[in-house]
Amino acid sequence: MTHNGAYYVCRQGHTAQNDWQPQDTPTLWNAA
């Protein structure tokens, strides 16, 4: 996915939450 112009790959399945931004949840997202 993209967020603020950066690409991320999901590390772990999860339920999306509006306040869980990729840069704030490194256990869920890897920068691609």
Protein backbone atom coordinates (compact mmCIF):
# COMPACT_ATOMS: atom_id res chain seq x y z
CA MET A 1 0.00 0.00 0.00
CA THR A 2 1.09 3.63 -0.20
CA HIS A 3 0.97 6.19 2.57
CA ASN A 4 2.32 9.73 2.24
CA GLY A 5 4.11 8.72 -0.96
CA ALA A 6 5.92 5.73 0.60
CA TYR A 7 5.22 2.06 -0.18
CA TYR A 8 4.56 -0.49 2.57
CA VAL A 9 4.07 -4.26 2.68
CA CYS A 10 1.89 -5.82 5.36
CA ARG A 11 3.86 -8.04 7.75
CA GLN A 12 0.91 -9.41 9.70
CA GLY A 13 -2.80 -9.65 9.06
CA HIS A 14 -4.84 -7.20 11.13
CA THR A 15 -8.08 -5.26 11.24
CA ALA A 16 -7.57 -1.79 9.79
CA GLN A 17 -7.84 1.14 12.16
CA ASN A 18 -7.74 4.76 11.09
CA ASP A 19 -5.13 5.71 13.71
CA TRP A 20 -2.72 2.83 12.89
CA GLN A 21 -0.43 4.58 10.41
CA PRO A 22 2.39 2.48 8.89
CA GLN A 23 5.17 4.65 10.31
CA ASP A 24 3.66 4.23 13.80
CA THR A 25 3.10 0.45 13.64
CA PRO A 26 6.35 -1.20 12.49
CA THR A 27 5.18 -4.62 13.73
CA LEU A 28 2.43 -4.51 11.07
CA TRP A 29 4.22 -2.84 8.12
CA ASN A 30 7.57 -3.02 6.31
CA ALA A 31 8.74 -0.19 4.11
CA ALA A 32 9.06 -1.49 0.55
